[in-house]
Amino acid sequence: MKEMLIQLCSADGVTGFEGHAAAAAKKLLTPYCDKVALDPCGSVLGWKSCGKPGAKTVLLDAHLDQIGFMVTDVLEGGFLRFTQVGGIDPRMLLGAEVTILTDEPRYGVIACMPPHLLAAEEQNKAVPMHEMLIDTGLLDAKKVIPIGTPVVFAQPPYELAKGQVTGKCLDDRAGFVAIVEAMRKLKDADLNVDIVVCGSVHEETDSLGALAASFRVAPDYGIAVDVSHAKTPDSGSAEAFAFGDGALIGMGPNLHRGLANALMKTARAEEIPYEIEVMEGNTGTNAWEMQVVRSGIAMGLLSIPLKYMHTPIETIQLSDVNAVSDLLAAFLKHFDGEVARK
């Protein structure tokens, strides 16, 4: 699982430019599906049929895109102006290392003024993103870096401590790896439902990939797998969940109560650690958009606790990823396609 995560997180895929990430995801998923293909939006779709007439369909979704930047202007001396793609906190950007995704990827750093040169009243002020610059060191930058080029954080993923992985885009490559691992566990299972896996694009901006895939597949049930906030010493009273305590099962008006209850029942029966994540409205995941596709989809949501969301040092516990994977596999192995509404 660690190697899958590192492999997938090493493939760049800024929202709207997910090609490399989709190719890596397709390679990981192919051994466990009857057919795997890219749809017109660029999402990865994998089908596994149970071979039984009239079987219901369950769509499993995790998004492949990652937050990043786009070049908006190329200045003299190799400096670039840029804008964000997805939600990014500008406080963490000064001094960051980035990769500029030209045909031949190039290295850059986000320039920061030394404190020695700042006036006293400027030292505690945040710098707006539109005033920041990427320094490429390239005197011919105007010739080799087109406006509109995507940019990502440069740090590679790595093992922080035994059982923990840190790096960019674990939101939501960790979710996709949990689904792939569940499909591996179900490879030879006698299923009663058809399963379609979607590694979706565009979640960080408009959920285009999940919407298009849901419309195409027209599933009876959907389960989105994403990340949520893990507790840290500085999280205070903010809503966050224990790191390393298992899967998070979403509960709220966006989500099908019967499906959530069935997932909890499975977790208890299989002794899979979990917590309930109460979500009073928009879950901030693809589950929100998927629920109203066509005539409506009964949606469930599983999440992985993650520290430092939308930064280059996102951190997960592998046991939490495995808990989500175990829960998906155990639920689908015994699921007959019927759940009560409540």
Protein backbone atom coordinates (compact mmCIF):
# COMPACT_ATOMS: atom_id res chain seq x y z
CA MET A 1 0.00 0.00 0.00
CA LYS A 2 2.84 2.40 0.83
CA GLU A 3 4.48 1.75 -2.52
CA MET A 4 1.17 2.28 -4.34
CA LEU A 5 0.70 5.60 -2.57
CA ILE A 6 4.22 6.79 -3.36
CA GLN A 7 3.88 5.73 -6.99
CA LEU A 8 0.52 7.45 -7.44
CA CYS A 9 1.46 10.63 -5.55
CA SER A 10 4.60 10.96 -7.66
CA ALA A 11 2.43 11.40 -10.78
CA ASP A 12 1.46 15.04 -11.23
CA GLY A 13 -2.18 15.87 -11.87
CA VAL A 14 -3.26 19.47 -11.27
CA THR A 15 -7.02 19.90 -11.77
CA GLY A 16 -7.60 20.00 -15.51
CA PHE A 17 -4.20 18.42 -16.23
CA GLU A 18 -4.64 14.96 -14.67
CA GLY A 19 -3.19 12.89 -17.53
CA HIS A 20 -0.10 11.54 -15.73
CA ALA A 21 -2.05 10.75 -12.56
CA ALA A 22 -4.80 9.04 -14.57
CA ALA A 23 -2.26 6.88 -16.40
CA ALA A 24 -0.72 5.77 -13.10
CA ALA A 25 -4.15 5.10 -11.59
CA LYS A 26 -5.25 3.07 -14.61
CA LYS A 27 -2.16 0.88 -14.30
CA LEU A 28 -2.86 0.20 -10.60
CA LEU A 29 -6.54 -0.61 -11.16
CA THR A 30 -6.33 -2.77 -14.31
CA PRO A 31 -5.45 -6.14 -12.65
CA TYR A 32 -8.66 -6.08 -10.58
CA CYS A 33 -11.31 -5.12 -13.16
CA ASP A 34 -12.81 -6.69 -16.27
CA LYS A 35 -12.24 -3.50 -18.22
CA VAL A 36 -10.52 -0.16 -17.49
CA ALA A 37 -10.66 2.93 -19.69
CA LEU A 38 -10.46 6.72 -19.66
CA ASP A 39 -13.72 8.57 -20.22
CA PRO A 40 -13.98 11.75 -22.35
CA CYS A 41 -13.35 13.96 -19.30
CA GLY A 42 -10.14 12.11 -18.44
CA SER A 43 -11.40 10.13 -15.44
CA VAL A 44 -10.38 6.49 -15.00
CA LEU A 45 -13.27 4.01 -15.05
CA GLY A 46 -12.99 0.32 -14.16
CA TRP A 47 -15.82 -2.21 -14.41
CA LYS A 48 -16.17 -5.48 -12.47
CA SER A 49 -19.27 -7.51 -13.22
CA CYS A 50 -20.69 -10.10 -10.85
CA GLY A 51 -22.24 -11.91 -13.83
CA LYS A 52 -25.70 -12.12 -12.29
CA PRO A 53 -28.79 -10.85 -14.16
CA GLY A 54 -30.52 -7.85 -12.67
CA ALA A 55 -27.63 -7.05 -10.33
CA LYS A 56 -27.49 -3.56 -8.86
CA THR A 57 -24.48 -1.33 -9.56
CA VAL A 58 -22.27 0.37 -6.97
CA LEU A 59 -20.00 3.22 -8.08
CA LEU A 60 -16.87 3.84 -5.99
CA ASP A 61 -15.30 7.26 -6.48
CA ALA A 62 -12.05 8.90 -5.38
CA HIS A 63 -10.62 11.95 -7.10
CA LEU A 64 -7.20 12.01 -8.75
CA ASP A 65 -6.67 15.73 -9.19
CA GLN A 66 -4.51 17.83 -6.88
CA ILE A 67 -4.30 21.49 -5.97
CA GLY A 68 -1.68 23.52 -7.79
CA PHE A 69 -1.04 26.67 -9.80
CA MET A 70 -1.05 28.06 -13.32
CA VAL A 71 1.38 30.52 -14.86
CA THR A 72 -0.32 33.85 -15.69
CA ASP A 73 2.67 35.90 -16.85
CA VAL A 74 6.35 35.44 -17.67
CA LEU A 75 8.60 38.35 -16.65
CA GLU A 76 12.18 39.30 -17.46
CA GLY A 77 14.87 37.48 -15.51
CA GLY A 78 13.01 34.16 -15.34
CA PHE A 79 10.25 35.19 -12.94
CA LEU A 80 6.65 33.92 -13.24
CA ARG A 81 3.39 35.28 -11.93
CA PHE A 82 0.82 32.62 -11.09
CA THR A 83 -2.64 31.91 -9.77
CA GLN A 84 -4.05 29.04 -7.74
CA VAL A 85 -5.98 26.01 -8.95
CA GLY A 86 -8.05 24.71 -6.04
CA GLY A 87 -7.97 26.00 -2.49
CA ILE A 88 -4.49 27.09 -1.39
CA ASP A 89 -3.45 28.99 1.73
CA PRO A 90 -0.99 31.71 0.64
CA ARG A 91 0.65 31.77 4.09
CA MET A 92 2.63 28.61 3.33
CA LEU A 93 3.87 29.53 -0.14
CA LEU A 94 6.87 31.84 0.36
CA GLY A 95 10.02 29.77 -0.07
CA ALA A 96 8.16 26.74 -1.45
CA GLU A 97 9.76 24.54 -4.07
CA VAL A 98 7.69 23.89 -7.20
CA THR A 99 7.80 21.95 -10.43
CA ILE A 100 6.73 23.76 -13.62
CA LEU A 101 5.05 21.19 -15.87
CA THR A 102 6.40 22.19 -19.26
CA ASP A 103 7.12 19.37 -21.75
CA GLU A 104 10.42 19.03 -19.93
CA PRO A 105 9.49 19.75 -16.27
CA ARG A 106 11.50 22.56 -14.69
CA TYR A 107 12.33 23.45 -11.10
CA GLY A 108 11.41 26.74 -9.46
CA VAL A 109 11.09 28.40 -6.06
CA ILE A 110 8.52 30.90 -4.83
CA ALA A 111 10.58 33.98 -4.08
CA CYS A 112 10.47 35.57 -0.64
CA MET A 113 11.89 38.88 0.54
CA PRO A 114 14.59 38.45 3.23
CA PRO A 115 13.43 39.86 6.58
CA HIS A 116 16.46 42.18 6.57
CA LEU A 117 14.95 44.11 3.66
CA LEU A 118 11.42 44.41 5.04
CA ALA A 119 10.16 47.50 6.81
CA ALA A 120 9.02 46.85 10.38
CA GLU A 121 5.34 47.27 9.49
CA GLU A 122 5.66 44.67 6.69
CA GLN A 123 7.21 41.86 8.70
CA ASN A 124 3.94 40.48 10.10
CA LYS A 125 1.82 40.94 6.97
CA ALA A 126 0.79 38.07 4.70
CA VAL A 127 1.81 38.51 1.07
CA PRO A 128 -1.13 38.23 -1.38
CA MET A 129 -0.67 35.49 -3.96
CA HIS A 130 -0.96 37.92 -6.88
CA GLU A 131 2.18 39.67 -5.60
CA MET A 132 4.25 36.48 -5.38
CA LEU A 133 6.74 35.33 -8.01
CA ILE A 134 8.21 31.98 -9.00
CA ASP A 135 11.95 32.24 -9.66
CA THR A 136 13.01 29.77 -12.36
CA GLY A 137 16.55 31.04 -12.88
CA LEU A 138 15.90 30.82 -16.64
CA LEU A 139 16.94 33.87 -18.63
CA ASP A 140 15.00 32.44 -21.62
CA ALA A 141 11.87 31.68 -19.60
CA LYS A 142 9.62 33.54 -22.05
CA LYS A 143 10.66 31.10 -24.78
CA VAL A 144 10.21 27.86 -22.84
CA ILE A 145 7.36 28.45 -20.34
CA PRO A 146 4.00 29.27 -21.95
CA ILE A 147 1.31 31.16 -20.06
CA GLY A 148 -1.19 28.61 -18.73
CA THR A 149 1.45 26.05 -17.76
CA PRO A 150 0.44 24.10 -14.64
CA VAL A 151 2.70 24.11 -11.58
CA VAL A 152 2.79 21.74 -8.60
CA PHE A 153 4.60 21.49 -5.29
CA ALA A 154 7.93 19.77 -5.90
CA GLN A 155 8.30 17.66 -2.75
CA PRO A 156 8.09 13.90 -3.38
CA PRO A 157 6.05 11.68 -1.03
CA TYR A 158 7.99 9.68 1.55
CA GLU A 159 7.54 7.67 4.72
CA LEU A 160 7.51 10.04 7.69
CA ALA A 161 7.61 7.31 10.32
CA LYS A 162 6.76 3.63 10.16
CA GLY A 163 3.18 3.39 8.97
CA GLN A 164 2.86 7.08 8.00
CA VAL A 165 3.25 8.70 4.59
CA THR A 166 3.60 12.43 3.96
CA GLY A 167 3.65 14.49 0.77
CA LYS A 168 1.52 16.34 -1.77
CA CYS A 169 -1.85 15.11 -3.10
CA LEU A 170 -2.62 12.40 -0.56
CA ASP A 171 -5.94 14.25 -0.92
CA ASP A 172 -7.23 12.16 -2.58
CA ARG A 173 -4.75 9.63 -3.94
CA ALA A 174 -5.02 7.88 -0.55
CA GLY A 175 -8.73 7.39 -1.24
CA PHE A 176 -8.05 5.89 -4.66
CA VAL A 177 -5.44 3.52 -3.22
CA ALA A 178 -7.99 2.40 -0.59
CA ILE A 179 -10.40 1.53 -3.42
CA VAL A 180 -7.72 -0.31 -5.43
CA GLU A 181 -6.76 -2.31 -2.36
CA ALA A 182 -10.44 -3.18 -1.76
CA MET A 183 -10.73 -4.37 -5.35
CA ARG A 184 -7.65 -6.54 -4.86
CA LYS A 185 -9.31 -8.15 -1.83
CA LEU A 186 -12.45 -8.76 -3.92
CA LYS A 187 -10.64 -10.13 -6.96
CA ASP A 188 -11.90 -13.71 -6.55
CA ALA A 189 -15.01 -12.97 -4.46
CA ASP A 190 -18.50 -14.19 -5.46
CA LEU A 191 -20.29 -10.83 -5.62
CA ASN A 192 -23.98 -10.01 -5.92
CA VAL A 193 -23.50 -6.49 -7.31
CA ASP A 194 -21.61 -4.98 -10.20
CA ILE A 195 -18.86 -2.55 -9.20
CA VAL A 196 -17.60 0.44 -11.15
CA VAL A 197 -14.54 2.33 -9.90
CA CYS A 198 -14.01 5.97 -10.84
CA GLY A 199 -10.76 7.86 -10.38
CA SER A 200 -12.33 11.22 -11.08
CA VAL A 201 -10.93 14.51 -12.32
CA HIS A 202 -11.80 18.12 -11.39
CA GLU A 203 -12.96 17.55 -7.81
CA GLU A 204 -11.02 20.53 -6.49
CA THR A 205 -12.93 22.94 -8.74
CA ASP A 206 -16.30 21.62 -9.98
CA SER A 207 -16.58 17.79 -9.58
CA LEU A 208 -16.87 17.47 -13.37
CA GLY A 209 -15.33 13.99 -13.43
CA ALA A 210 -17.63 12.47 -10.82
CA LEU A 211 -20.71 14.11 -12.36
CA ALA A 212 -19.95 12.82 -15.86
CA ALA A 213 -19.06 9.32 -14.63
CA SER A 214 -22.18 9.09 -12.48
CA PHE A 215 -24.37 10.10 -15.42
CA ARG A 216 -22.68 7.52 -17.67
CA VAL A 217 -22.77 4.63 -15.20
CA ALA A 218 -26.20 5.43 -13.68
CA PRO A 219 -25.45 3.44 -10.50
CA ASP A 220 -27.98 2.43 -7.87
CA TYR A 221 -25.54 3.28 -5.09
CA GLY A 222 -22.42 5.39 -4.83
CA ILE A 223 -19.68 5.54 -2.23
CA ALA A 224 -17.26 8.45 -2.36
CA VAL A 225 -13.90 7.94 -0.65
CA ASP A 226 -12.08 11.11 0.37
CA VAL A 227 -10.10 12.59 3.27
CA SER A 228 -11.09 14.56 6.35
CA HIS A 229 -9.20 16.48 9.03
CA ALA A 230 -7.07 14.65 11.58
CA LYS A 231 -6.43 16.10 15.02
CA THR A 232 -3.14 17.81 15.80
CA PRO A 233 -2.05 19.61 18.99
CA ASP A 234 -2.86 22.98 17.42
CA SER A 235 -6.28 22.04 15.99
CA GLY A 236 -8.01 23.25 19.18
CA SER A 237 -11.78 23.10 19.01
CA ALA A 238 -11.89 22.65 15.24
CA GLU A 239 -13.76 19.55 14.11
CA ALA A 240 -11.13 16.89 13.54
CA PHE A 241 -10.73 13.15 14.08
CA ALA A 242 -8.23 10.86 15.73
CA PHE A 243 -5.22 9.96 13.62
CA GLY A 244 -4.84 6.20 13.36
CA ASP A 245 -8.27 5.27 14.75
CA GLY A 246 -9.70 3.91 11.51
CA ALA A 247 -12.24 4.87 8.85
CA LEU A 248 -14.66 7.80 9.03
CA ILE A 249 -18.26 7.00 8.04
CA GLY A 250 -20.20 10.06 6.92
CA MET A 251 -23.65 10.73 8.37
CA GLY A 252 -25.86 13.63 7.32
CA PRO A 253 -28.62 14.86 4.97
CA ASN A 254 -26.40 14.54 1.89
CA LEU A 255 -25.94 10.85 2.59
CA HIS A 256 -28.27 7.83 2.48
CA ARG A 257 -29.02 6.88 6.09
CA GLY A 258 -29.59 3.21 5.28
CA LEU A 259 -26.28 2.94 3.44
CA ALA A 260 -24.42 4.65 6.30
CA ASN A 261 -26.06 2.28 8.79
CA ALA A 262 -25.12 -0.73 6.65
CA LEU A 263 -21.49 0.42 6.55
CA MET A 264 -21.45 0.85 10.34
CA LYS A 265 -23.03 -2.59 10.82
CA THR A 266 -20.34 -4.12 8.62
CA ALA A 267 -17.58 -2.33 10.52
CA ARG A 268 -18.88 -3.63 13.85
CA ALA A 269 -19.31 -7.18 12.53
CA GLU A 270 -15.82 -7.27 11.03
CA GLU A 271 -14.23 -5.39 13.97
CA ILE A 272 -12.97 -2.66 11.65
CA PRO A 273 -12.18 0.55 13.59
CA TYR A 274 -14.31 3.54 12.62
CA GLU A 275 -15.70 6.89 13.76
CA ILE A 276 -18.88 8.66 12.70
CA GLU A 277 -18.36 11.96 10.89
CA VAL A 278 -21.48 14.12 11.22
CA MET A 279 -21.88 16.40 8.20
CA GLU A 280 -24.76 18.83 8.49
CA GLY A 281 -24.87 19.89 4.83
CA ASN A 282 -22.47 20.00 1.90
CA THR A 283 -19.79 17.40 2.58
CA GLY A 284 -17.23 19.21 0.40
CA THR A 285 -16.73 15.97 -1.54
CA ASN A 286 -17.99 14.46 -4.78
CA ALA A 287 -20.82 12.86 -2.78
CA TRP A 288 -22.61 16.23 -2.74
CA GLU A 289 -22.80 16.50 -6.54
CA MET A 290 -23.27 12.80 -7.29
CA GLN A 291 -26.44 12.47 -5.22
CA VAL A 292 -28.59 14.41 -7.73
CA VAL A 293 -27.33 12.88 -10.99
CA ARG A 294 -30.14 11.54 -13.19
CA SER A 295 -33.01 10.55 -10.86
CA GLY A 296 -30.76 10.52 -7.77
CA ILE A 297 -28.12 8.19 -6.34
CA ALA A 298 -28.11 6.77 -2.81
CA MET A 299 -24.73 8.02 -1.58
CA GLY A 300 -22.34 6.92 1.13
CA LEU A 301 -19.08 8.59 2.16
CA LEU A 302 -15.96 7.09 3.70
CA SER A 303 -13.05 9.32 4.67
CA ILE A 304 -9.43 8.92 5.75
CA PRO A 305 -8.11 11.20 8.54
CA LEU A 306 -5.40 13.44 7.08
CA LYS A 307 -3.17 16.07 8.63
CA TYR A 308 -2.28 19.39 6.92
CA MET A 309 -4.85 19.27 4.10
CA HIS A 310 -4.03 21.24 0.93
CA THR A 311 -0.35 21.59 1.75
CA PRO A 312 2.76 19.83 0.36
CA ILE A 313 3.06 17.87 3.63
CA GLU A 314 -0.30 16.11 3.82
CA THR A 315 0.12 13.14 6.16
CA ILE A 316 -1.87 9.91 6.56
CA GLN A 317 -1.65 6.76 8.67
CA LEU A 318 -1.56 3.62 6.52
CA SER A 319 -3.74 1.75 9.02
CA ASP A 320 -6.54 4.27 8.36
CA VAL A 321 -6.28 3.69 4.61
CA ASN A 322 -6.40 -0.04 5.27
CA ALA A 323 -9.46 0.34 7.51
CA VAL A 324 -11.34 2.07 4.67
CA SER A 325 -10.16 -0.62 2.25
CA ASP A 326 -11.25 -3.43 4.60
CA LEU A 327 -14.64 -1.82 5.16
CA LEU A 328 -15.30 -1.39 1.44
CA ALA A 329 -14.27 -4.96 0.67
CA ALA A 330 -16.29 -6.50 3.53
CA PHE A 331 -19.39 -4.47 2.70
CA LEU A 332 -19.33 -5.21 -1.03
CA LYS A 333 -18.55 -8.89 -0.53
CA HIS A 334 -21.87 -9.42 1.27
CA PHE A 335 -23.99 -6.65 -0.26
CA ASP A 336 -27.08 -7.90 -2.11
CA GLY A 337 -28.03 -4.50 -3.52
CA GLU A 338 -30.78 -3.73 -1.03
CA VAL A 339 -30.68 -1.34 1.94
CA ALA A 340 -33.48 0.22 3.95
CA ARG A 341 -34.01 3.96 3.64
CA LYS A 342 -33.47 4.37 7.39
